[in-house]
Each structure stands twice: as structure tokens, then as C-alpha cells.
PDB file of N, CA and C in Angstrom:
ATOM      1  N   MET A   1     107.050  88.925  91.068  1.00  0.00           N
ATOM      2  CA  MET A   1     105.864  89.425  91.744  1.00  0.00           C
ATOM      3  C   MET A   1     106.267  89.966  93.113  1.00  0.00           C
ATOM      4  N   LEU A   2     105.803  91.161  93.440  1.00  0.00           N
ATOM      5  CA  LEU A   2     106.067  91.752  94.747  1.00  0.00           C
ATOM      6  C   LEU A   2     105.113  91.174  95.782  1.00  0.00           C
ATOM      7  N   LYS A   3     105.669  90.676  96.869  1.00  0.00           N
ATOM      8  CA  LYS A   3     104.862  90.193  97.994  1.00  0.00           C
ATOM      9  C   LYS A   3     104.716  91.353  98.978  1.00  0.00           C
ATOM     10  N   ILE A   4     103.481  91.605  99.427  1.00  0.00           N
ATOM     11  CA  ILE A   4     103.182  92.758 100.268  1.00  0.00           C
ATOM     12  C   ILE A   4     102.453  92.320 101.530  1.00  0.00           C
ATOM     13  N   VAL A   5     102.833  92.927 102.666  1.00  0.00           N
ATOM     14  CA  VAL A   5     102.092  92.796 103.919  1.00  0.00           C
ATOM     15  C   VAL A   5     101.539  94.177 104.250  1.00  0.00           C
ATOM     16  N   ILE A   6     100.268  94.228 104.640  1.00  0.00           N
ATOM     17  CA  ILE A   6      99.607  95.478 105.012  1.00  0.00           C
ATOM     18  C   ILE A   6      99.258  95.417 106.491  1.00  0.00           C
ATOM     19  N   ALA A   7      99.657  96.455 107.235  1.00  0.00           N
ATOM     20  CA  ALA A   7      99.348  96.532 108.663  1.00  0.00           C
ATOM     21  C   ALA A   7      98.653  97.857 108.964  1.00  0.00           C
ATOM     22  N   ASP A   8      97.429  97.761 109.450  1.00  0.00           N
ATOM     23  CA  ASP A   8      96.654  98.948 109.816  1.00  0.00           C
ATOM     24  C   ASP A   8      95.571  98.513 110.788  1.00  0.00           C
ATOM     25  N   ASP A   9      95.267  99.367 111.758  1.00  0.00           N
ATOM     26  CA  ASP A   9      94.258  99.012 112.749  1.00  0.00           C
ATOM     27  C   ASP A   9      92.831  99.193 112.236  1.00  0.00           C
ATOM     28  N   HIS A  10      92.659  99.774 111.074  1.00  0.00           N
ATOM     29  CA  HIS A  10      91.333  99.951 110.489  1.00  0.00           C
ATOM     30  C   HIS A  10      91.112  98.902 109.395  1.00  0.00           C
ATOM     31  N   ALA A  11      90.126  98.054 109.600  1.00  0.00           N
ATOM     32  CA  ALA A  11      89.852  96.965 108.654  1.00  0.00           C
ATOM     33  C   ALA A  11      89.537  97.488 107.260  1.00  0.00           C
ATOM     34  N   VAL A  12      88.828  98.603 107.172  1.00  0.00           N
ATOM     35  CA  VAL A  12      88.461  99.147 105.862  1.00  0.00           C
ATOM     36  C   VAL A  12      89.707  99.583 105.088  1.00  0.00           C
ATOM     37  N   VAL A  13      90.714 100.075 105.777  1.00  0.00           N
ATOM     38  CA  VAL A  13      91.968 100.469 105.124  1.00  0.00           C
ATOM     39  C   VAL A  13      92.701  99.228 104.620  1.00  0.00           C
ATOM     40  N   ARG A  14      92.798  98.209 105.475  1.00  0.00           N
ATOM     41  CA  ARG A  14      93.453  96.959 105.056  1.00  0.00           C
ATOM     42  C   ARG A  14      92.758  96.360 103.834  1.00  0.00           C
ATOM     43  N   THR A  15      91.441  96.325 103.876  1.00  0.00           N
ATOM     44  CA  THR A  15      90.672  95.757 102.771  1.00  0.00           C
ATOM     45  C   THR A  15      90.834  96.579 101.498  1.00  0.00           C
ATOM     46  N   GLY A  16      90.757  97.890 101.629  1.00  0.00           N
ATOM     47  CA  GLY A  16      90.888  98.770 100.465  1.00  0.00           C
ATOM     48  C   GLY A  16      92.239  98.652  99.792  1.00  0.00           C
ATOM     49  N   PHE A  17      93.306  98.736 100.582  1.00  0.00           N
ATOM     50  CA  PHE A  17      94.648  98.591 100.016  1.00  0.00           C
ATOM     51  C   PHE A  17      94.827  97.205  99.397  1.00  0.00           C
ATOM     52  N   SER A  18      94.313  96.182 100.059  1.00  0.00           N
ATOM     53  CA  SER A  18      94.434  94.819  99.526  1.00  0.00           C
ATOM     54  C   SER A  18      93.768  94.704  98.159  1.00  0.00           C
ATOM     55  N   MET A  19      92.581  95.247  98.034  1.00  0.00           N
ATOM     56  CA  MET A  19      91.862  95.180  96.763  1.00  0.00           C
ATOM     57  C   MET A  19      92.625  95.910  95.662  1.00  0.00           C
ATOM     58  N   ILE A  20      93.100  97.099  95.965  1.00  0.00           N
ATOM     59  CA  ILE A  20      93.821  97.899  94.967  1.00  0.00           C
ATOM     60  C   ILE A  20      95.119  97.215  94.555  1.00  0.00           C
ATOM     61  N   LEU A  21      95.882  96.759  95.534  1.00  0.00           N
ATOM     62  CA  LEU A  21      97.185  96.169  95.228  1.00  0.00           C
ATOM     63  C   LEU A  21      97.060  94.802  94.562  1.00  0.00           C
ATOM     64  N   ASN A  22      96.106  93.994  94.982  1.00  0.00           N
ATOM     65  CA  ASN A  22      95.910  92.680  94.354  1.00  0.00           C
ATOM     66  C   ASN A  22      95.420  92.797  92.912  1.00  0.00           C
ATOM     67  N   TYR A  23      94.857  93.940  92.559  1.00  0.00           N
ATOM     68  CA  TYR A  23      94.404  94.179  91.190  1.00  0.00           C
ATOM     69  C   TYR A  23      95.592  94.320  90.237  1.00  0.00           C
ATOM     70  N   GLN A  24      96.746  94.720  90.774  1.00  0.00           N
ATOM     71  CA  GLN A  24      97.960  94.869  89.969  1.00  0.00           C
ATOM     72  C   GLN A  24      98.518  93.490  89.635  1.00  0.00           C
ATOM     73  N   GLU A  25      98.897  93.289  88.400  1.00  0.00           N
ATOM     74  CA  GLU A  25      99.366  91.975  87.963  1.00  0.00           C
ATOM     75  C   GLU A  25     100.677  91.557  88.614  1.00  0.00           C
ATOM     76  N   ASP A  26     101.492  92.519  89.005  1.00  0.00           N
ATOM     77  CA  ASP A  26     102.819  92.204  89.546  1.00  0.00           C
ATOM     78  C   ASP A  26     102.895  92.325  91.065  1.00  0.00           C
ATOM     79  N   MET A  27     101.741  92.391  91.741  1.00  0.00           N
ATOM     80  CA  MET A  27     101.704  92.538  93.192  1.00  0.00           C
ATOM     81  C   MET A  27     100.742  91.532  93.807  1.00  0.00           C
ATOM     82  N   GLU A  28     101.102  91.058  95.008  1.00  0.00           N
ATOM     83  CA  GLU A  28     100.235  90.135  95.744  1.00  0.00           C
ATOM     84  C   GLU A  28     100.312  90.466  97.231  1.00  0.00           C
ATOM     85  N   VAL A  29      99.167  90.743  97.836  1.00  0.00           N
ATOM     86  CA  VAL A  29      99.108  90.938  99.279  1.00  0.00           C
ATOM     87  C   VAL A  29      99.083  89.546  99.898  1.00  0.00           C
ATOM     88  N   VAL A  30     100.168  89.206 100.601  1.00  0.00           N
ATOM     89  CA  VAL A  30     100.288  87.861 101.171  1.00  0.00           C
ATOM     90  C   VAL A  30      99.726  87.775 102.582  1.00  0.00           C
ATOM     91  N   ALA A  31      99.577  88.941 103.255  1.00  0.00           N
ATOM     92  CA  ALA A  31      99.037  88.941 104.620  1.00  0.00           C
ATOM     93  C   ALA A  31      98.634  90.351 105.015  1.00  0.00           C
ATOM     94  N   THR A  32      97.710  90.419 105.979  1.00  0.00           N
ATOM     95  CA  THR A  32      97.346  91.690 106.597  1.00  0.00           C
ATOM     96  C   THR A  32      97.413  91.517 108.107  1.00  0.00           C
ATOM     97  N   ALA A  33      97.553  92.647 108.803  1.00  0.00           N
ATOM     98  CA  ALA A  33      97.656  92.602 110.261  1.00  0.00           C
ATOM     99  C   ALA A  33      96.970  93.824 110.868  1.00  0.00           C
ATOM    100  N   PRO A  34      96.272  93.633 112.007  1.00  0.00           N
ATOM    101  CA  PRO A  34      95.571  94.740 112.654  1.00  0.00           C
ATOM    102  C   PRO A  34      96.408  95.498 113.683  1.00  0.00           C
ATOM    103  N   ASP A  35      97.620  95.021 113.971  1.00  0.00           N
ATOM    104  CA  ASP A  35      98.458  95.685 114.973  1.00  0.00           C
ATOM    105  C   ASP A  35      99.931  95.381 114.712  1.00  0.00           C
ATOM    106  N   GLY A  36     100.795  96.057 115.463  1.00  0.00           N
ATOM    107  CA  GLY A  36     102.231  95.900 115.278  1.00  0.00           C
ATOM    108  C   GLY A  36     102.754  94.520 115.604  1.00  0.00           C
ATOM    109  N   VAL A  37     102.194  93.891 116.618  1.00  0.00           N
ATOM    110  CA  VAL A  37     102.650  92.553 117.015  1.00  0.00           C
ATOM    111  C   VAL A  37     102.399  91.558 115.888  1.00  0.00           C
ATOM    112  N   GLU A  38     101.186  91.565 115.361  1.00  0.00           N
ATOM    113  CA  GLU A  38     100.859  90.635 114.277  1.00  0.00           C
ATOM    114  C   GLU A  38     101.613  90.997 112.999  1.00  0.00           C
ATOM    115  N   ALA A  39     101.833  92.289 112.773  1.00  0.00           N
ATOM    116  CA  ALA A  39     102.608  92.709 111.596  1.00  0.00           C
ATOM    117  C   ALA A  39     104.010  92.118 111.649  1.00  0.00           C
ATOM    118  N   TYR A  40     104.636  92.187 112.816  1.00  0.00           N
ATOM    119  CA  TYR A  40     105.972  91.610 112.982  1.00  0.00           C
ATOM    120  C   TYR A  40     105.945  90.109 112.669  1.00  0.00           C
ATOM    121  N   GLN A  41     104.954  89.413 113.200  1.00  0.00           N
ATOM    122  CA  GLN A  41     104.833  87.968 112.970  1.00  0.00           C
ATOM    123  C   GLN A  41     104.643  87.651 111.486  1.00  0.00           C
ATOM    124  N   LYS A  42     103.801  88.430 110.814  1.00  0.00           N
ATOM    125  CA  LYS A  42     103.533  88.193 109.391  1.00  0.00           C
ATOM    126  C   LYS A  42     104.779  88.457 108.546  1.00  0.00           C
ATOM    127  N   VAL A  43     105.527  89.491 108.886  1.00  0.00           N
ATOM    128  CA  VAL A  43     106.755  89.796 108.144  1.00  0.00           C
ATOM    129  C   VAL A  43     107.773  88.680 108.329  1.00  0.00           C
ATOM    130  N   MET A  44     107.913  88.174 109.549  1.00  0.00           N
ATOM    131  CA  MET A  44     108.855  87.086 109.794  1.00  0.00           C
ATOM    132  C   MET A  44     108.420  85.805 109.062  1.00  0.00           C
ATOM    133  N   GLU A  45     107.113  85.595 108.963  1.00  0.00           N
ATOM    134  CA  GLU A  45     106.597  84.392 108.304  1.00  0.00           C
ATOM    135  C   GLU A  45     106.689  84.467 106.775  1.00  0.00           C
ATOM    136  N   PHE A  46     106.254  85.591 106.194  1.00  0.00           N
ATOM    137  CA  PHE A  46     106.125  85.689 104.741  1.00  0.00           C
ATOM    138  C   PHE A  46     107.308  86.345 104.037  1.00  0.00           C
ATOM    139  N   LYS A  47     108.170  87.045 104.772  1.00  0.00           N
ATOM    140  CA  LYS A  47     109.335  87.716 104.174  1.00  0.00           C
ATOM    141  C   LYS A  47     108.930  88.541 102.946  1.00  0.00           C
ATOM    142  N   PRO A  48     108.045  89.531 103.134  1.00  0.00           N
ATOM    143  CA  PRO A  48     107.552  90.290 101.984  1.00  0.00           C
ATOM    144  C   PRO A  48     108.623  91.222 101.404  1.00  0.00           C
ATOM    145  N   ASP A  49     108.376  91.651 100.172  1.00  0.00           N
ATOM    146  CA  ASP A  49     109.222  92.654  99.535  1.00  0.00           C
ATOM    147  C   ASP A  49     108.863  94.047 100.034  1.00  0.00           C
ATOM    148  N   VAL A  50     107.578  94.236 100.389  1.00  0.00           N
ATOM    149  CA  VAL A  50     107.068  95.537 100.815  1.00  0.00           C
ATOM    150  C   VAL A  50     106.196  95.355 102.052  1.00  0.00           C
ATOM    151  N   LEU A  51     106.365  96.261 103.010  1.00  0.00           N
ATOM    152  CA  LEU A  51     105.489  96.332 104.185  1.00  0.00           C
ATOM    153  C   LEU A  51     104.837  97.701 104.183  1.00  0.00           C
ATOM    154  N   LEU A  52     103.512  97.722 104.102  1.00  0.00           N
ATOM    155  CA  LEU A  52     102.748  98.963 104.169  1.00  0.00           C
ATOM    156  C   LEU A  52     102.205  99.049 105.589  1.00  0.00           C
ATOM    157  N   MET A  53     102.798  99.944 106.408  1.00  0.00           N
ATOM    158  CA  MET A  53     102.539  99.957 107.854  1.00  0.00           C
ATOM    159  C   MET A  53     101.994 101.306 108.317  1.00  0.00           C
ATOM    160  N   ASP A  54     100.877 101.274 109.044  1.00  0.00           N
ATOM    161  CA  ASP A  54     100.371 102.443 109.761  1.00  0.00           C
ATOM    162  C   ASP A  54     101.258 102.600 110.990  1.00  0.00           C
ATOM    163  N   LEU A  55     101.877 103.753 111.162  1.00  0.00           N
ATOM    164  CA  LEU A  55     102.819 103.923 112.270  1.00  0.00           C
ATOM    165  C   LEU A  55     102.148 104.200 113.606  1.00  0.00           C
ATOM    166  N   SER A  56     100.894 104.610 113.610  1.00  0.00           N
ATOM    167  CA  SER A  56     100.232 104.937 114.880  1.00  0.00           C
ATOM    168  C   SER A  56      99.021 104.039 115.111  1.00  0.00           C
ATOM    169  N   MET A  57      99.305 102.784 115.436  1.00  0.00           N
ATOM    170  CA  MET A  57      98.235 101.816 115.677  1.00  0.00           C
ATOM    171  C   MET A  57      98.105 101.518 117.165  1.00  0.00           C
ATOM    172  N   PRO A  58      96.993 101.919 117.768  1.00  0.00           N
ATOM    173  CA  PRO A  58      96.737 101.495 119.133  1.00  0.00           C
ATOM    174  C   PRO A  58      95.910 100.221 119.105  1.00  0.00           C
ATOM    175  N   PRO A  59      95.698  99.492 120.128  1.00  0.00           N
ATOM    176  CA  PRO A  59      96.502  99.470 121.350  1.00  0.00           C
ATOM    177  C   PRO A  59      97.702  98.549 121.158  1.00  0.00           C
ATOM    178  N   GLY A  60      98.500  98.422 122.180  1.00  0.00           N
ATOM    179  CA  GLY A  60      99.651  97.522 122.107  1.00  0.00           C
ATOM    180  C   GLY A  60     100.812  98.150 121.379  1.00  0.00           C
ATOM    181  N   GLU A  61     101.494  97.328 120.619  1.00  0.00           N
ATOM    182  CA  GLU A  61     102.705  97.758 119.937  1.00  0.00           C
ATOM    183  C   GLU A  61     102.365  98.611 118.717  1.00  0.00           C
ATOM    184  N   SER A  62     102.924  99.811 118.673  1.00  0.00           N
ATOM    185  CA  SER A  62     102.660 100.703 117.552  1.00  0.00           C
ATOM    186  C   SER A  62     103.399 100.238 116.307  1.00  0.00           C
ATOM    187  N   GLY A  63     103.002 100.785 115.188  1.00  0.00           N
ATOM    188  CA  GLY A  63     103.681 100.473 113.942  1.00  0.00           C
ATOM    189  C   GLY A  63     105.126 100.926 113.951  1.00  0.00           C
ATOM    190  N   LEU A  64     105.400 102.021 114.643  1.00  0.00           N
ATOM    191  CA  LEU A  64     106.769 102.530 114.723  1.00  0.00           C
ATOM    192  C   LEU A  64     107.673 101.552 115.472  1.00  0.00           C
ATOM    193  N   ILE A  65     107.197 101.020 116.587  1.00  0.00           N
ATOM    194  CA  ILE A  65     107.973 100.038 117.361  1.00  0.00           C
ATOM    195  C   ILE A  65     108.151  98.758 116.547  1.00  0.00           C
ATOM    196  N   ALA A  66     107.087  98.299 115.909  1.00  0.00           N
ATOM    197  CA  ALA A  66     107.173  97.081 115.098  1.00  0.00           C
ATOM    198  C   ALA A  66     108.153  97.266 113.945  1.00  0.00           C
ATOM    199  N   THR A  67     108.127  98.429 113.308  1.00  0.00           N
ATOM    200  CA  THR A  67     109.058  98.706 112.214  1.00  0.00           C
ATOM    201  C   THR A  67     110.493  98.659 112.702  1.00  0.00           C
ATOM    202  N   SER A  68     110.729  99.209 113.871  1.00  0.00           N
ATOM    203  CA  SER A  68     112.071  99.179 114.459  1.00  0.00           C
ATOM    204  C   SER A  68     112.519  97.738 114.716  1.00  0.00           C
ATOM    205  N   LYS A  69     111.630  96.914 115.265  1.00  0.00           N
ATOM    206  CA  LYS A  69     111.955  95.503 115.524  1.00  0.00           C
ATOM    207  C   LYS A  69     112.234  94.743 114.228  1.00  0.00           C
ATOM    208  N   ILE A  70     111.448  95.024 113.205  1.00  0.00           N
ATOM    209  CA  ILE A  70     111.637  94.359 111.917  1.00  0.00           C
ATOM    210  C   ILE A  70     112.982  94.756 111.326  1.00  0.00           C
ATOM    211  N   HIS A  71     113.309  96.027 111.426  1.00  0.00           N
ATOM    212  CA  HIS A  71     114.587  96.526 110.898  1.00  0.00           C
ATOM    213  C   HIS A  71     115.769  95.872 111.608  1.00  0.00           C
ATOM    214  N   GLU A  72     115.635  95.617 112.908  1.00  0.00           N
ATOM    215  CA  GLU A  72     116.706  94.996 113.695  1.00  0.00           C
ATOM    216  C   GLU A  72     116.855  93.502 113.385  1.00  0.00           C
ATOM    217  N   SER A  73     115.802  92.876 112.871  1.00  0.00           N
ATOM    218  CA  SER A  73     115.823  91.421 112.617  1.00  0.00           C
ATOM    219  C   SER A  73     116.629  91.056 111.392  1.00  0.00           C
TER     220      SER A  73
END
């Protein structure tokens, strides 16, 4: 089963992707995050197979910066 983390600043996007992906038998959304900081924390906690990240999330840490930090970890 693929473990997935979804990061997007729009709640409707997070909810929509979660519903679609959780409907798949071989996929499970293990966490969602509204910003880059929380996305980084969720990835470190859950160690997902896939991270679906919005790269332009205001305010605070963008998805691009968070992705870079995750890649370095």
C-alpha cells in the first residue's frame, strides 16, 4: 500500500485529493498539511512513499523550500 502525504494551503484541495486517493485500494493518505512547515513534519513522522505538494503555499515556508529540506534529510 502506498502511503501518501498531501500538502496544500487550500482545504478543499486537500480534502478532494484525499477522497480520490483513499478510494484507491492500494493507496492511503496518512496525513495532510496546510503549509510547508507542517508538511516537513508530517513527512518526517510518517515516512510516506509519495508527497503531493503545492509548491507555492503562502504564508511561511513555501512548498518549494519544504521540498528542498525534505530532499536534504
